[in-house]
Each structure stands twice: as C-alpha cells, then as structure tokens.
Amino acid sequence: MEFSDFPLEIVYLIADSLELDSEISALSRTTRRLYNSLDSYLYQHNVRRYNSCALEWAALHGRASVTHKLLKAGAPPFATVYENMQPIWRLLMGTWMQMLSR
C-alpha cells in the first residue's frame, strides 16, 4: 500500500504529530487527495497551535484567500497577534496600498 492510499484517519494522525504548519503544508502538497484532505486542517492547526498568527501574515501580504480560510477555520477576526493593529485592518490597508501602487 502506498502512503497516498492510506486511510484519512491515519493521515490525520500523522498530521497531528507534526509541529509546524510548513510540515503539514509539505505533506498536503504530495498528492491532490492529501491537499484536498489537509488544506482546511492546515488552517485549523494554525488557529489551534499558533493563535492564528498566520492571519497577521496574510493581512500584511494582502492574501485575502488565506485570510478567508483562516477565518473559516475559526481565527478571531479582530485579534491582535504581534502588534497593535488588528489583522483585518492590516488586510484592508495592504489591499489599499496595492491599489495605490498600480
């Protein structure tokens, strides 16, 4: 049996043992099936283990799709992660700055 054919319950157990988001992301990119199964799990993992710190990153970089996935995974929209500005406002400011630079 190939790893890509493992039951999803086992794949989730393996993903649970991984510490870093980057490790789960790498695992999810090995096959389309694993990506479809682990994509939402990756965002839930960030919310649970890292207090949604990816939300601030996504907002700073204008990544609306990542922001949407994190909010769907349970990230609090008005949380302040590192600095005083809430991530949702960073996203709006980042989008506005991108529009100005065009």
PDB file of N, CA and C in Angstrom:
ATOM      1  N   MET A   1       0.848  -1.185   0.000  1.00  0.00           N
ATOM      2  CA  MET A   1       0.000   0.000   0.000  1.00  0.00           C
ATOM      3  C   MET A   1       0.887   1.239   0.000  1.00  0.00           C
ATOM      4  N   GLU A   2       0.597   2.162  -0.889  1.00  0.00           N
ATOM      5  CA  GLU A   2       1.341   3.417  -0.944  1.00  0.00           C
ATOM      6  C   GLU A   2       0.786   4.390   0.086  1.00  0.00           C
ATOM      7  N   PHE A   3       1.635   5.319   0.503  1.00  0.00           N
ATOM      8  CA  PHE A   3       1.212   6.296   1.505  1.00  0.00           C
ATOM      9  C   PHE A   3      -0.014   7.073   1.050  1.00  0.00           C
ATOM     10  N   SER A   4      -0.062   7.415  -0.222  1.00  0.00           N
ATOM     11  CA  SER A   4      -1.192   8.203  -0.730  1.00  0.00           C
ATOM     12  C   SER A   4      -2.517   7.442  -0.642  1.00  0.00           C
ATOM     13  N   ASP A   5      -2.447   6.121  -0.441  1.00  0.00           N
ATOM     14  CA  ASP A   5      -3.657   5.303  -0.316  1.00  0.00           C
ATOM     15  C   ASP A   5      -4.042   5.022   1.130  1.00  0.00           C
ATOM     16  N   PHE A   6      -3.274   5.538   2.087  1.00  0.00           N
ATOM     17  CA  PHE A   6      -3.599   5.318   3.496  1.00  0.00           C
ATOM     18  C   PHE A   6      -4.990   5.882   3.797  1.00  0.00           C
ATOM     19  N   PRO A   7      -5.702   5.265   4.722  1.00  0.00           N
ATOM     20  CA  PRO A   7      -6.981   5.844   5.151  1.00  0.00           C
ATOM     21  C   PRO A   7      -6.753   7.244   5.738  1.00  0.00           C
ATOM     22  N   LEU A   8      -7.715   8.123   5.532  1.00  0.00           N
ATOM     23  CA  LEU A   8      -7.559   9.504   6.001  1.00  0.00           C
ATOM     24  C   LEU A   8      -7.385   9.589   7.513  1.00  0.00           C
ATOM     25  N   GLU A   9      -7.943   8.653   8.252  1.00  0.00           N
ATOM     26  CA  GLU A   9      -7.772   8.658   9.707  1.00  0.00           C
ATOM     27  C   GLU A   9      -6.291   8.560  10.072  1.00  0.00           C
ATOM     28  N   ILE A  10      -5.555   7.739   9.341  1.00  0.00           N
ATOM     29  CA  ILE A  10      -4.117   7.590   9.600  1.00  0.00           C
ATOM     30  C   ILE A  10      -3.370   8.846   9.153  1.00  0.00           C
ATOM     31  N   VAL A  11      -3.762   9.410   8.034  1.00  0.00           N
ATOM     32  CA  VAL A  11      -3.133  10.649   7.554  1.00  0.00           C
ATOM     33  C   VAL A  11      -3.312  11.754   8.591  1.00  0.00           C
ATOM     34  N   TYR A  12      -4.513  11.859   9.171  1.00  0.00           N
ATOM     35  CA  TYR A  12      -4.755  12.882  10.196  1.00  0.00           C
ATOM     36  C   TYR A  12      -3.931  12.618  11.455  1.00  0.00           C
ATOM     37  N   LEU A  13      -3.744  11.370  11.817  1.00  0.00           N
ATOM     38  CA  LEU A  13      -2.884  11.051  12.967  1.00  0.00           C
ATOM     39  C   LEU A  13      -1.444  11.487  12.699  1.00  0.00           C
ATOM     40  N   ILE A  14      -0.991  11.264  11.491  1.00  0.00           N
ATOM     41  CA  ILE A  14       0.362  11.699  11.122  1.00  0.00           C
ATOM     42  C   ILE A  14       0.436  13.221  11.147  1.00  0.00           C
ATOM     43  N   ALA A  15      -0.554  13.881  10.583  1.00  0.00           N
ATOM     44  CA  ALA A  15      -0.570  15.351  10.581  1.00  0.00           C
ATOM     45  C   ALA A  15      -0.606  15.896  12.004  1.00  0.00           C
ATOM     46  N   ASP A  16      -1.334  15.227  12.903  1.00  0.00           N
ATOM     47  CA  ASP A  16      -1.391  15.653  14.311  1.00  0.00           C
ATOM     48  C   ASP A  16      -0.025  15.603  14.975  1.00  0.00           C
ATOM     49  N   SER A  17       0.828  14.714  14.513  1.00  0.00           N
ATOM     50  CA  SER A  17       2.153  14.578  15.132  1.00  0.00           C
ATOM     51  C   SER A  17       3.143  15.624  14.614  1.00  0.00           C
ATOM     52  N   LEU A  18       2.777  16.343  13.566  1.00  0.00           N
ATOM     53  CA  LEU A  18       3.662  17.364  13.007  1.00  0.00           C
ATOM     54  C   LEU A  18       3.492  18.667  13.770  1.00  0.00           C
ATOM     55  N   GLU A  19       4.581  19.325  14.052  1.00  0.00           N
ATOM     56  CA  GLU A  19       4.563  20.551  14.855  1.00  0.00           C
ATOM     57  C   GLU A  19       4.312  21.800  14.012  1.00  0.00           C
ATOM     58  N   LEU A  20       4.983  21.903  12.893  1.00  0.00           N
ATOM     59  CA  LEU A  20       4.991  23.148  12.126  1.00  0.00           C
ATOM     60  C   LEU A  20       3.961  23.147  11.000  1.00  0.00           C
ATOM     61  N   ASP A  21       3.403  24.324  10.746  1.00  0.00           N
ATOM     62  CA  ASP A  21       2.492  24.477   9.609  1.00  0.00           C
ATOM     63  C   ASP A  21       3.180  24.090   8.306  1.00  0.00           C
ATOM     64  N   SER A  22       4.456  24.433   8.182  1.00  0.00           N
ATOM     65  CA  SER A  22       5.193  24.133   6.945  1.00  0.00           C
ATOM     66  C   SER A  22       5.304  22.629   6.710  1.00  0.00           C
ATOM     67  N   GLU A  23       5.369  21.847   7.778  1.00  0.00           N
ATOM     68  CA  GLU A  23       5.435  20.389   7.632  1.00  0.00           C
ATOM     69  C   GLU A  23       4.098  19.841   7.129  1.00  0.00           C
ATOM     70  N   ILE A  24       3.013  20.356   7.673  1.00  0.00           N
ATOM     71  CA  ILE A  24       1.687  19.923   7.227  1.00  0.00           C
ATOM     72  C   ILE A  24       1.453  20.372   5.789  1.00  0.00           C
ATOM     73  N   SER A  25       1.895  21.573   5.473  1.00  0.00           N
ATOM     74  CA  SER A  25       1.762  22.078   4.108  1.00  0.00           C
ATOM     75  C   SER A  25       2.528  21.193   3.125  1.00  0.00           C
ATOM     76  N   ALA A  26       3.741  20.811   3.485  1.00  0.00           N
ATOM     77  CA  ALA A  26       4.544  19.941   2.615  1.00  0.00           C
ATOM     78  C   ALA A  26       3.858  18.592   2.417  1.00  0.00           C
ATOM     79  N   LEU A  27       3.313  18.038   3.485  1.00  0.00           N
ATOM     80  CA  LEU A  27       2.598  16.769   3.388  1.00  0.00           C
ATOM     81  C   LEU A  27       1.381  16.914   2.476  1.00  0.00           C
ATOM     82  N   SER A  28       0.671  18.019   2.612  1.00  0.00           N
ATOM     83  CA  SER A  28      -0.546  18.208   1.809  1.00  0.00           C
ATOM     84  C   SER A  28      -0.245  18.373   0.326  1.00  0.00           C
ATOM     85  N   ARG A  29       0.944  18.810   0.001  1.00  0.00           N
ATOM     86  CA  ARG A  29       1.285  19.036  -1.406  1.00  0.00           C
ATOM     87  C   ARG A  29       1.796  17.783  -2.119  1.00  0.00           C
ATOM     88  N   THR A  30       1.838  16.649  -1.439  1.00  0.00           N
ATOM     89  CA  THR A  30       2.366  15.443  -2.080  1.00  0.00           C
ATOM     90  C   THR A  30       1.402  14.847  -3.104  1.00  0.00           C
ATOM     91  N   THR A  31       0.103  14.929  -2.844  1.00  0.00           N
ATOM     92  CA  THR A  31      -0.888  14.452  -3.816  1.00  0.00           C
ATOM     93  C   THR A  31      -2.120  15.349  -3.754  1.00  0.00           C
ATOM     94  N   ARG A  32      -2.900  15.318  -4.794  1.00  0.00           N
ATOM     95  CA  ARG A  32      -4.141  16.108  -4.830  1.00  0.00           C
ATOM     96  C   ARG A  32      -5.092  15.658  -3.720  1.00  0.00           C
ATOM     97  N   ARG A  33      -5.172  14.360  -3.496  1.00  0.00           N
ATOM     98  CA  ARG A  33      -6.053  13.822  -2.445  1.00  0.00           C
ATOM     99  C   ARG A  33      -5.653  14.358  -1.078  1.00  0.00           C
ATOM    100  N   LEU A  34      -4.354  14.357  -0.787  1.00  0.00           N
ATOM    101  CA  LEU A  34      -3.912  14.861   0.511  1.00  0.00           C
ATOM    102  C   LEU A  34      -4.129  16.366   0.619  1.00  0.00           C
ATOM    103  N   TYR A  35      -3.935  17.089  -0.477  1.00  0.00           N
ATOM    104  CA  TYR A  35      -4.192  18.532  -0.440  1.00  0.00           C
ATOM    105  C   TYR A  35      -5.659  18.797  -0.113  1.00  0.00           C
ATOM    106  N   ASN A  36      -6.548  18.102  -0.812  1.00  0.00           N
ATOM    107  CA  ASN A  36      -7.983  18.294  -0.574  1.00  0.00           C
ATOM    108  C   ASN A  36      -8.375  17.914   0.849  1.00  0.00           C
ATOM    109  N   SER A  37      -7.677  16.946   1.425  1.00  0.00           N
ATOM    110  CA  SER A  37      -7.995  16.487   2.775  1.00  0.00           C
ATOM    111  C   SER A  37      -7.354  17.340   3.859  1.00  0.00           C
ATOM    112  N   LEU A  38      -6.167  17.863   3.608  1.00  0.00           N
ATOM    113  CA  LEU A  38      -5.409  18.549   4.660  1.00  0.00           C
ATOM    114  C   LEU A  38      -5.421  20.071   4.572  1.00  0.00           C
ATOM    115  N   ASP A  39      -5.943  20.640   3.504  1.00  0.00           N
ATOM    116  CA  ASP A  39      -5.895  22.095   3.359  1.00  0.00           C
ATOM    117  C   ASP A  39      -6.613  22.801   4.511  1.00  0.00           C
ATOM    118  N   SER A  40      -7.859  22.443   4.778  1.00  0.00           N
ATOM    119  CA  SER A  40      -8.576  23.101   5.884  1.00  0.00           C
ATOM    120  C   SER A  40      -7.965  22.717   7.229  1.00  0.00           C
ATOM    121  N   TYR A  41      -7.446  21.492   7.337  1.00  0.00           N
ATOM    122  CA  TYR A  41      -6.777  21.066   8.569  1.00  0.00           C
ATOM    123  C   TYR A  41      -5.571  21.964   8.868  1.00  0.00           C
ATOM    124  N   LEU A  42      -4.835  22.350   7.836  1.00  0.00           N
ATOM    125  CA  LEU A  42      -3.661  23.213   7.998  1.00  0.00           C
ATOM    126  C   LEU A  42      -4.043  24.535   8.661  1.00  0.00           C
ATOM    127  N   TYR A  43      -5.119  25.140   8.208  1.00  0.00           N
ATOM    128  CA  TYR A  43      -5.547  26.423   8.773  1.00  0.00           C
ATOM    129  C   TYR A  43      -6.087  26.250  10.194  1.00  0.00           C
ATOM    130  N   GLN A  44      -6.784  25.156  10.445  1.00  0.00           N
ATOM    131  CA  GLN A  44      -7.258  24.868  11.803  1.00  0.00           C
ATOM    132  C   GLN A  44      -6.076  24.656  12.742  1.00  0.00           C
ATOM    133  N   HIS A  45      -5.036  24.018  12.254  1.00  0.00           N
ATOM    134  CA  HIS A  45      -3.823  23.788  13.036  1.00  0.00           C
ATOM    135  C   HIS A  45      -3.201  25.117  13.446  1.00  0.00           C
ATOM    136  N   ASN A  46      -3.134  26.059  12.518  1.00  0.00           N
ATOM    137  CA  ASN A  46      -2.559  27.366  12.836  1.00  0.00           C
ATOM    138  C   ASN A  46      -3.395  28.084  13.887  1.00  0.00           C
ATOM    139  N   VAL A  47      -4.699  27.985  13.783  1.00  0.00           N
ATOM    140  CA  VAL A  47      -5.586  28.622  14.766  1.00  0.00           C
ATOM    141  C   VAL A  47      -5.376  27.992  16.140  1.00  0.00           C
ATOM    142  N   ARG A  48      -5.311  26.662  16.201  1.00  0.00           N
ATOM    143  CA  ARG A  48      -5.178  25.951  17.485  1.00  0.00           C
ATOM    144  C   ARG A  48      -3.806  26.130  18.118  1.00  0.00           C
ATOM    145  N   ARG A  49      -2.760  25.886  17.359  1.00  0.00           N
ATOM    146  CA  ARG A  49      -1.417  25.844  17.944  1.00  0.00           C
ATOM    147  C   ARG A  49      -0.696  27.178  17.975  1.00  0.00           C
ATOM    148  N   TYR A  50      -1.017  28.055  17.064  1.00  0.00           N
ATOM    149  CA  TYR A  50      -0.242  29.293  16.948  1.00  0.00           C
ATOM    150  C   TYR A  50      -1.089  30.554  17.087  1.00  0.00           C
ATOM    151  N   ASN A  51      -2.246  30.424  17.720  1.00  0.00           N
ATOM    152  CA  ASN A  51      -3.111  31.581  17.980  1.00  0.00           C
ATOM    153  C   ASN A  51      -3.374  32.410  16.726  1.00  0.00           C
ATOM    154  N   SER A  52      -3.533  31.741  15.607  1.00  0.00           N
ATOM    155  CA  SER A  52      -3.894  32.398  14.342  1.00  0.00           C
ATOM    156  C   SER A  52      -2.844  33.384  13.848  1.00  0.00           C
ATOM    157  N   CYS A  53      -1.562  33.137  14.149  1.00  0.00           N
ATOM    158  CA  CYS A  53      -0.525  34.092  13.742  1.00  0.00           C
ATOM    159  C   CYS A  53      -0.441  34.235  12.224  1.00  0.00           C
ATOM    160  N   ALA A  54      -0.884  33.231  11.474  1.00  0.00           N
ATOM    161  CA  ALA A  54      -0.873  33.341  10.013  1.00  0.00           C
ATOM    162  C   ALA A  54      -1.860  34.396   9.526  1.00  0.00           C
ATOM    163  N   LEU A  55      -2.840  34.739  10.359  1.00  0.00           N
ATOM    164  CA  LEU A  55      -3.806  35.763   9.973  1.00  0.00           C
ATOM    165  C   LEU A  55      -3.114  37.107   9.791  1.00  0.00           C
ATOM    166  N   GLU A  56      -2.216  37.439  10.693  1.00  0.00           N
ATOM    167  CA  GLU A  56      -1.491  38.702  10.556  1.00  0.00           C
ATOM    168  C   GLU A  56      -0.586  38.666   9.324  1.00  0.00           C
ATOM    169  N   TRP A  57       0.088  37.532   9.103  1.00  0.00           N
ATOM    170  CA  TRP A  57       0.943  37.402   7.919  1.00  0.00           C
ATOM    171  C   TRP A  57       0.117  37.612   6.653  1.00  0.00           C
ATOM    172  N   ALA A  58      -1.038  36.946   6.585  1.00  0.00           N
ATOM    173  CA  ALA A  58      -1.887  37.054   5.395  1.00  0.00           C
ATOM    174  C   ALA A  58      -2.359  38.487   5.189  1.00  0.00           C
ATOM    175  N   ALA A  59      -2.703  39.150   6.273  1.00  0.00           N
ATOM    176  CA  ALA A  59      -3.160  40.538   6.169  1.00  0.00           C
ATOM    177  C   ALA A  59      -2.032  41.455   5.713  1.00  0.00           C
ATOM    178  N   LEU A  60      -0.843  41.262   6.268  1.00  0.00           N
ATOM    179  CA  LEU A  60       0.304  42.094   5.887  1.00  0.00           C
ATOM    180  C   LEU A  60       0.666  41.938   4.419  1.00  0.00           C
ATOM    181  N   HIS A  61       0.442  40.744   3.876  1.00  0.00           N
ATOM    182  CA  HIS A  61       0.821  40.461   2.494  1.00  0.00           C
ATOM    183  C   HIS A  61      -0.358  40.526   1.524  1.00  0.00           C
ATOM    184  N   GLY A  62      -1.504  40.986   2.000  1.00  0.00           N
ATOM    185  CA  GLY A  62      -2.660  41.133   1.121  1.00  0.00           C
ATOM    186  C   GLY A  62      -3.212  39.831   0.583  1.00  0.00           C
ATOM    187  N   ARG A  63      -3.068  38.755   1.337  1.00  0.00           N
ATOM    188  CA  ARG A  63      -3.524  37.428   0.896  1.00  0.00           C
ATOM    189  C   ARG A  63      -4.954  37.179   1.383  1.00  0.00           C
ATOM    190  N   ALA A  64      -5.902  37.707   0.644  1.00  0.00           N
ATOM    191  CA  ALA A  64      -7.310  37.620   1.038  1.00  0.00           C
ATOM    192  C   ALA A  64      -7.803  36.178   1.107  1.00  0.00           C
ATOM    193  N   SER A  65      -7.354  35.317   0.198  1.00  0.00           N
ATOM    194  CA  SER A  65      -7.827  33.926   0.212  1.00  0.00           C
ATOM    195  C   SER A  65      -7.348  33.192   1.462  1.00  0.00           C
ATOM    196  N   VAL A  66      -6.114  33.456   1.878  1.00  0.00           N
ATOM    197  CA  VAL A  66      -5.586  32.842   3.103  1.00  0.00           C
ATOM    198  C   VAL A  66      -6.342  33.390   4.310  1.00  0.00           C
ATOM    199  N   THR A  67      -6.596  34.700   4.303  1.00  0.00           N
ATOM    200  CA  THR A  67      -7.358  35.318   5.387  1.00  0.00           C
ATOM    201  C   THR A  67      -8.733  34.671   5.492  1.00  0.00           C
ATOM    202  N   HIS A  68      -9.383  34.474   4.363  1.00  0.00           N
ATOM    203  CA  HIS A  68     -10.710  33.848   4.353  1.00  0.00           C
ATOM    204  C   HIS A  68     -10.649  32.432   4.931  1.00  0.00           C
ATOM    205  N   LYS A  69      -9.659  31.648   4.524  1.00  0.00           N
ATOM    206  CA  LYS A  69      -9.540  30.273   5.018  1.00  0.00           C
ATOM    207  C   LYS A  69      -9.281  30.245   6.522  1.00  0.00           C
ATOM    208  N   LEU A  70      -8.467  31.175   7.019  1.00  0.00           N
ATOM    209  CA  LEU A  70      -8.195  31.231   8.457  1.00  0.00           C
ATOM    210  C   LEU A  70      -9.438  31.636   9.241  1.00  0.00           C
ATOM    211  N   LEU A  71     -10.187  32.591   8.732  1.00  0.00           N
ATOM    212  CA  LEU A  71     -11.424  32.990   9.406  1.00  0.00           C
ATOM    213  C   LEU A  71     -12.419  31.836   9.417  1.00  0.00           C
ATOM    214  N   LYS A  72     -12.486  31.107   8.317  1.00  0.00           N
ATOM    215  CA  LYS A  72     -13.365  29.943   8.235  1.00  0.00           C
ATOM    216  C   LYS A  72     -12.920  28.852   9.221  1.00  0.00           C
ATOM    217  N   ALA A  73     -11.618  28.779   9.490  1.00  0.00           N
ATOM    218  CA  ALA A  73     -11.074  27.785  10.422  1.00  0.00           C
ATOM    219  C   ALA A  73     -11.238  28.205  11.880  1.00  0.00           C
ATOM    220  N   GLY A  74     -11.772  29.410  12.111  1.00  0.00           N
ATOM    221  CA  GLY A  74     -12.037  29.828  13.480  1.00  0.00           C
ATOM    222  C   GLY A  74     -11.144  30.917  14.027  1.00  0.00           C
ATOM    223  N   ALA A  75     -10.306  31.506  13.194  1.00  0.00           N
ATOM    224  CA  ALA A  75      -9.448  32.603  13.665  1.00  0.00           C
ATOM    225  C   ALA A  75     -10.325  33.799  14.025  1.00  0.00           C
ATOM    226  N   PRO A  76     -10.074  34.419  15.175  1.00  0.00           N
ATOM    227  CA  PRO A  76     -10.870  35.590  15.543  1.00  0.00           C
ATOM    228  C   PRO A  76     -10.516  36.782  14.654  1.00  0.00           C
ATOM    229  N   PRO A  77     -11.487  37.394  13.990  1.00  0.00           N
ATOM    230  CA  PRO A  77     -11.188  38.436  13.003  1.00  0.00           C
ATOM    231  C   PRO A  77     -10.569  39.700  13.581  1.00  0.00           C
ATOM    232  N   PHE A  78     -10.808  39.980  14.847  1.00  0.00           N
ATOM    233  CA  PHE A  78     -10.290  41.219  15.418  1.00  0.00           C
ATOM    234  C   PHE A  78      -9.196  40.968  16.447  1.00  0.00           C
ATOM    235  N   ALA A  79      -8.550  39.822  16.352  1.00  0.00           N
ATOM    236  CA  ALA A  79      -7.450  39.514  17.271  1.00  0.00           C
ATOM    237  C   ALA A  79      -6.230  40.344  16.909  1.00  0.00           C
ATOM    238  N   THR A  80      -5.459  40.690  17.910  1.00  0.00           N
ATOM    239  CA  THR A  80      -4.176  41.349  17.694  1.00  0.00           C
ATOM    240  C   THR A  80      -3.112  40.322  18.022  1.00  0.00           C
ATOM    241  N   VAL A  81      -2.288  39.996  17.050  1.00  0.00           N
ATOM    242  CA  VAL A  81      -1.325  38.922  17.239  1.00  0.00           C
ATOM    243  C   VAL A  81       0.012  39.461  17.709  1.00  0.00           C
ATOM    244  N   TYR A  82       0.667  40.286  16.930  1.00  0.00           N
ATOM    245  CA  TYR A  82       2.000  40.758  17.276  1.00  0.00           C
ATOM    246  C   TYR A  82       2.049  42.237  17.639  1.00  0.00           C
ATOM    247  N   GLU A  83       1.354  43.040  16.869  1.00  0.00           N
ATOM    248  CA  GLU A  83       1.436  44.475  17.079  1.00  0.00           C
ATOM    249  C   GLU A  83       0.057  45.009  17.432  1.00  0.00           C
ATOM    250  N   ASN A  84      -0.066  46.311  17.497  1.00  0.00           N
ATOM    251  CA  ASN A  84      -1.314  46.910  17.943  1.00  0.00           C
ATOM    252  C   ASN A  84      -2.413  46.926  16.896  1.00  0.00           C
ATOM    253  N   MET A  85      -2.081  46.784  15.631  1.00  0.00           N
ATOM    254  CA  MET A  85      -3.103  46.849  14.587  1.00  0.00           C
ATOM    255  C   MET A  85      -3.711  45.466  14.372  1.00  0.00           C
ATOM    256  N   GLN A  86      -5.014  45.402  14.358  1.00  0.00           N
ATOM    257  CA  GLN A  86      -5.701  44.136  14.169  1.00  0.00           C
ATOM    258  C   GLN A  86      -5.512  43.651  12.730  1.00  0.00           C
ATOM    259  N   PRO A  87      -5.361  42.322  12.543  1.00  0.00           N
ATOM    260  CA  PRO A  87      -5.082  41.781  11.215  1.00  0.00           C
ATOM    261  C   PRO A  87      -6.085  42.182  10.143  1.00  0.00           C
ATOM    262  N   ILE A  88      -7.365  42.270  10.493  1.00  0.00           N
ATOM    263  CA  ILE A  88      -8.352  42.606   9.468  1.00  0.00           C
ATOM    264  C   ILE A  88      -8.091  44.006   8.909  1.00  0.00           C
ATOM    265  N   TRP A  89      -7.618  44.926   9.761  1.00  0.00           N
ATOM    266  CA  TRP A  89      -7.293  46.273   9.296  1.00  0.00           C
ATOM    267  C   TRP A  89      -6.016  46.263   8.475  1.00  0.00           C
ATOM    268  N   ARG A  90      -5.070  45.388   8.824  1.00  0.00           N
ATOM    269  CA  ARG A  90      -3.850  45.250   8.029  1.00  0.00           C
ATOM    270  C   ARG A  90      -4.192  44.790   6.614  1.00  0.00           C
ATOM    271  N   LEU A  91      -5.135  43.855   6.512  1.00  0.00           N
ATOM    272  CA  LEU A  91      -5.543  43.362   5.192  1.00  0.00           C
ATOM    273  C   LEU A  91      -6.133  44.502   4.368  1.00  0.00           C
ATOM    274  N   LEU A  92      -7.005  45.265   4.970  1.00  0.00           N
ATOM    275  CA  LEU A  92      -7.622  46.381   4.252  1.00  0.00           C
ATOM    276  C   LEU A  92      -6.578  47.409   3.840  1.00  0.00           C
ATOM    277  N   MET A  93      -5.639  47.709   4.734  1.00  0.00           N
ATOM    278  CA  MET A  93      -4.583  48.672   4.411  1.00  0.00           C
ATOM    279  C   MET A  93      -3.678  48.122   3.317  1.00  0.00           C
ATOM    280  N   GLY A  94      -3.343  46.817   3.406  1.00  0.00           N
ATOM    281  CA  GLY A  94      -2.493  46.202   2.385  1.00  0.00           C
ATOM    282  C   GLY A  94      -3.153  46.224   1.021  1.00  0.00           C
ATOM    283  N   THR A  95      -4.450  45.939   0.970  1.00  0.00           N
ATOM    284  CA  THR A  95      -5.193  45.974  -0.288  1.00  0.00           C
ATOM    285  C   THR A  95      -5.228  47.390  -0.840  1.00  0.00           C
ATOM    286  N   TRP A  96      -5.442  48.360   0.029  1.00  0.00           N
ATOM    287  CA  TRP A  96      -5.478  49.766  -0.376  1.00  0.00           C
ATOM    288  C   TRP A  96      -4.121  50.199  -0.923  1.00  0.00           C
ATOM    289  N   MET A  97      -3.036  49.792  -0.255  1.00  0.00           N
ATOM    290  CA  MET A  97      -1.692  50.158  -0.714  1.00  0.00           C
ATOM    291  C   MET A  97      -1.392  49.524  -2.073  1.00  0.00           C
ATOM    292  N   GLN A  98      -1.845  48.294  -2.289  1.00  0.00           N
ATOM    293  CA  GLN A  98      -1.637  47.643  -3.583  1.00  0.00           C
ATOM    294  C   GLN A  98      -2.378  48.390  -4.689  1.00  0.00           C
ATOM    295  N   MET A  99      -3.565  48.868  -4.385  1.00  0.00           N
ATOM    296  CA  MET A  99      -4.329  49.619  -5.381  1.00  0.00           C
ATOM    297  C   MET A  99      -3.625  50.929  -5.717  1.00  0.00           C
ATOM    298  N   LEU A 100      -3.034  51.568  -4.719  1.00  0.00           N
ATOM    299  CA  LEU A 100      -2.332  52.828  -4.953  1.00  0.00           C
ATOM    300  C   LEU A 100      -1.073  52.641  -5.790  1.00  0.00           C
ATOM    301  N   SER A 101      -0.419  51.493  -5.635  1.00  0.00           N
ATOM    302  CA  SER A 101       0.847  51.271  -6.334  1.00  0.00           C
ATOM    303  C   SER A 101       0.650  50.866  -7.797  1.00  0.00           C
ATOM    304  N   ARG A 102      -0.562  50.633  -8.220  1.00  0.00           N
ATOM    305  CA  ARG A 102      -0.824  50.226  -9.618  1.00  0.00           C
ATOM    306  C   ARG A 102      -0.794  51.385 -10.552  1.00  0.00           C
TER     307      ARG A 102
END
